[in-house]
């Protein structure tokens, strides 16, 4: 998704605004799932 956005010259903020989501949420979508470290 990030490559398409950049290829079209769109900022993360602009796409988030157009999609009606937060910039942070869209950023998480672009990065994909992250593994969580467990604390013993």
PDB file of N, CA and C in Angstrom:
ATOM      1  N   UNK A   1       0.831  -1.182   0.000  1.00  0.00           N
ATOM      2  CA  UNK A   1       0.000   0.000   0.000  1.00  0.00           C
ATOM      3  C   UNK A   1       0.884   1.257   0.000  1.00  0.00           C
ATOM      4  N   UNK A   2       1.979   1.235   0.744  1.00  0.00           N
ATOM      5  CA  UNK A   2       2.863   2.399   0.827  1.00  0.00           C
ATOM      6  C   UNK A   2       3.443   2.754  -0.538  1.00  0.00           C
ATOM      7  N   UNK A   3       3.881   1.749  -1.278  1.00  0.00           N
ATOM      8  CA  UNK A   3       4.482   2.000  -2.592  1.00  0.00           C
ATOM      9  C   UNK A   3       3.482   2.669  -3.533  1.00  0.00           C
ATOM     10  N   UNK A   4       2.258   2.192  -3.526  1.00  0.00           N
ATOM     11  CA  UNK A   4       1.225   2.787  -4.385  1.00  0.00           C
ATOM     12  C   UNK A   4       1.003   4.245  -3.993  1.00  0.00           C
ATOM     13  N   UNK A   5       0.921   4.500  -2.694  1.00  0.00           N
ATOM     14  CA  UNK A   5       0.704   5.865  -2.203  1.00  0.00           C
ATOM     15  C   UNK A   5       1.843   6.784  -2.640  1.00  0.00           C
ATOM     16  N   UNK A   6       3.062   6.314  -2.484  1.00  0.00           N
ATOM     17  CA  UNK A   6       4.220   7.125  -2.851  1.00  0.00           C
ATOM     18  C   UNK A   6       4.295   7.315  -4.363  1.00  0.00           C
ATOM     19  N   UNK A   7       4.024   6.245  -5.113  1.00  0.00           N
ATOM     20  CA  UNK A   7       4.036   6.341  -6.577  1.00  0.00           C
ATOM     21  C   UNK A   7       3.037   7.383  -7.080  1.00  0.00           C
ATOM     22  N   UNK A   8       1.956   7.553  -6.356  1.00  0.00           N
ATOM     23  CA  UNK A   8       0.926   8.530  -6.760  1.00  0.00           C
ATOM     24  C   UNK A   8       1.178   9.915  -6.174  1.00  0.00           C
ATOM     25  N   UNK A   9       2.258  10.043  -5.398  1.00  0.00           N
ATOM     26  CA  UNK A   9       2.620  11.341  -4.842  1.00  0.00           C
ATOM     27  C   UNK A   9       1.733  11.798  -3.703  1.00  0.00           C
ATOM     28  N   UNK A  10       1.173  10.846  -2.973  1.00  0.00           N
ATOM     29  CA  UNK A  10       0.271  11.190  -1.872  1.00  0.00           C
ATOM     30  C   UNK A  10       0.974  11.018  -0.531  1.00  0.00           C
ATOM     31  N   UNK A  11       0.719  11.936   0.371  1.00  0.00           N
ATOM     32  CA  UNK A  11       1.284  11.824   1.712  1.00  0.00           C
ATOM     33  C   UNK A  11       0.414  10.904   2.563  1.00  0.00           C
ATOM     34  N   UNK A  12       1.008  10.390   3.606  1.00  0.00           N
ATOM     35  CA  UNK A  12       0.275   9.542   4.544  1.00  0.00           C
ATOM     36  C   UNK A  12      -0.900  10.322   5.140  1.00  0.00           C
ATOM     37  N   UNK A  13      -0.664  11.567   5.473  1.00  0.00           N
ATOM     38  CA  UNK A  13      -1.710  12.408   6.051  1.00  0.00           C
ATOM     39  C   UNK A  13      -2.867  12.615   5.080  1.00  0.00           C
ATOM     40  N   UNK A  14      -2.542  12.857   3.813  1.00  0.00           N
ATOM     41  CA  UNK A  14      -3.586  13.090   2.813  1.00  0.00           C
ATOM     42  C   UNK A  14      -4.449  11.848   2.599  1.00  0.00           C
ATOM     43  N   UNK A  15      -3.819  10.695   2.486  1.00  0.00           N
ATOM     44  CA  UNK A  15      -4.572   9.455   2.283  1.00  0.00           C
ATOM     45  C   UNK A  15      -5.433   9.156   3.506  1.00  0.00           C
ATOM     46  N   UNK A  16      -4.881   9.342   4.688  1.00  0.00           N
ATOM     47  CA  UNK A  16      -5.642   9.102   5.913  1.00  0.00           C
ATOM     48  C   UNK A  16      -6.870  10.014   5.966  1.00  0.00           C
ATOM     49  N   UNK A  17      -6.687  11.273   5.621  1.00  0.00           N
ATOM     50  CA  UNK A  17      -7.803  12.218   5.619  1.00  0.00           C
ATOM     51  C   UNK A  17      -8.888  11.788   4.636  1.00  0.00           C
ATOM     52  N   UNK A  18      -8.469  11.435   3.430  1.00  0.00           N
ATOM     53  CA  UNK A  18      -9.434  11.014   2.406  1.00  0.00           C
ATOM     54  C   UNK A  18     -10.167   9.739   2.802  1.00  0.00           C
ATOM     55  N   UNK A  19      -9.471   8.845   3.503  1.00  0.00           N
ATOM     56  CA  UNK A  19     -10.072   7.567   3.898  1.00  0.00           C
ATOM     57  C   UNK A  19     -10.886   7.685   5.187  1.00  0.00           C
ATOM     58  N   UNK A  20     -10.744   8.801   5.882  1.00  0.00           N
ATOM     59  CA  UNK A  20     -11.488   8.986   7.122  1.00  0.00           C
ATOM     60  C   UNK A  20     -10.928   8.193   8.288  1.00  0.00           C
ATOM     61  N   UNK A  21      -9.613   7.964   8.257  1.00  0.00           N
ATOM     62  CA  UNK A  21      -8.956   7.252   9.354  1.00  0.00           C
ATOM     63  C   UNK A  21      -7.813   8.116   9.872  1.00  0.00           C
ATOM     64  N   UNK A  22      -7.265   7.741  11.005  1.00  0.00           N
ATOM     65  CA  UNK A  22      -6.154   8.508  11.547  1.00  0.00           C
ATOM     66  C   UNK A  22      -4.864   8.167  10.815  1.00  0.00           C
ATOM     67  N   UNK A  23      -3.940   9.086  10.875  1.00  0.00           N
ATOM     68  CA  UNK A  23      -2.631   8.880  10.248  1.00  0.00           C
ATOM     69  C   UNK A  23      -1.921   7.689  10.895  1.00  0.00           C
ATOM     70  N   UNK A  24      -2.030   7.578  12.207  1.00  0.00           N
ATOM     71  CA  UNK A  24      -1.404   6.467  12.922  1.00  0.00           C
ATOM     72  C   UNK A  24      -1.967   5.116  12.503  1.00  0.00           C
ATOM     73  N   UNK A  25      -3.280   5.056  12.335  1.00  0.00           N
ATOM     74  CA  UNK A  25      -3.914   3.808  11.915  1.00  0.00           C
ATOM     75  C   UNK A  25      -3.431   3.399  10.530  1.00  0.00           C
ATOM     76  N   UNK A  26      -3.392   4.353   9.613  1.00  0.00           N
ATOM     77  CA  UNK A  26      -2.935   4.056   8.259  1.00  0.00           C
ATOM     78  C   UNK A  26      -1.466   3.632   8.261  1.00  0.00           C
ATOM     79  N   UNK A  27      -0.680   4.272   9.083  1.00  0.00           N
ATOM     80  CA  UNK A  27       0.730   3.906   9.194  1.00  0.00           C
ATOM     81  C   UNK A  27       0.884   2.469   9.674  1.00  0.00           C
ATOM     82  N   UNK A  28       0.066   2.073  10.637  1.00  0.00           N
ATOM     83  CA  UNK A  28       0.100   0.690  11.133  1.00  0.00           C
ATOM     84  C   UNK A  28      -0.298  -0.288  10.032  1.00  0.00           C
ATOM     85  N   UNK A  29      -1.277   0.076   9.226  1.00  0.00           N
ATOM     86  CA  UNK A  29      -1.686  -0.788   8.117  1.00  0.00           C
ATOM     87  C   UNK A  29      -0.545  -0.972   7.119  1.00  0.00           C
ATOM     88  N   UNK A  30       0.160   0.107   6.835  1.00  0.00           N
ATOM     89  CA  UNK A  30       1.266   0.026   5.886  1.00  0.00           C
ATOM     90  C   UNK A  30       2.413  -0.828   6.419  1.00  0.00           C
ATOM     91  N   UNK A  31       2.675  -0.725   7.694  1.00  0.00           N
ATOM     92  CA  UNK A  31       3.784  -1.482   8.291  1.00  0.00           C
ATOM     93  C   UNK A  31       3.454  -2.951   8.456  1.00  0.00           C
ATOM     94  N   UNK A  32       2.175  -3.263   8.610  1.00  0.00           N
ATOM     95  CA  UNK A  32       1.779  -4.655   8.792  1.00  0.00           C
ATOM     96  C   UNK A  32       1.872  -5.071  10.244  1.00  0.00           C
ATOM     97  N   UNK A  33       1.557  -6.343  10.491  1.00  0.00           N
ATOM     98  CA  UNK A  33       1.551  -6.826  11.878  1.00  0.00           C
ATOM     99  C   UNK A  33       2.948  -6.835  12.478  1.00  0.00           C
ATOM    100  N   UNK A  34       3.012  -6.525  13.728  1.00  0.00           N
ATOM    101  CA  UNK A  34       4.267  -6.549  14.474  1.00  0.00           C
ATOM    102  C   UNK A  34       4.144  -7.582  15.576  1.00  0.00           C
ATOM    103  N   UNK A  35       5.209  -8.309  15.784  1.00  0.00           N
ATOM    104  CA  UNK A  35       5.175  -9.276  16.883  1.00  0.00           C
ATOM    105  C   UNK A  35       5.388  -8.523  18.188  1.00  0.00           C
ATOM    106  N   UNK A  36       4.681  -8.951  19.191  1.00  0.00           N
ATOM    107  CA  UNK A  36       4.807  -8.321  20.506  1.00  0.00           C
ATOM    108  C   UNK A  36       5.748  -9.152  21.354  1.00  0.00           C
ATOM    109  N   UNK A  37       6.645  -8.468  22.007  1.00  0.00           N
ATOM    110  CA  UNK A  37       7.551  -9.203  22.879  1.00  0.00           C
ATOM    111  C   UNK A  37       6.840  -9.472  24.193  1.00  0.00           C
ATOM    112  N   UNK A  38       7.042 -10.653  24.712  1.00  0.00           N
ATOM    113  CA  UNK A  38       6.411 -10.988  25.982  1.00  0.00           C
ATOM    114  C   UNK A  38       7.383 -10.694  27.112  1.00  0.00           C
ATOM    115  N   UNK A  39       6.845 -10.163  28.169  1.00  0.00           N
ATOM    116  CA  UNK A  39       7.656  -9.845  29.338  1.00  0.00           C
ATOM    117  C   UNK A  39       7.408 -10.927  30.372  1.00  0.00           C
ATOM    118  N   UNK A  40       8.475 -11.606  30.801  1.00  0.00           N
ATOM    119  CA  UNK A  40       8.280 -12.697  31.781  1.00  0.00           C
ATOM    120  C   UNK A  40       7.819 -12.211  33.123  1.00  0.00           C
TER     121      UNK A  40
END
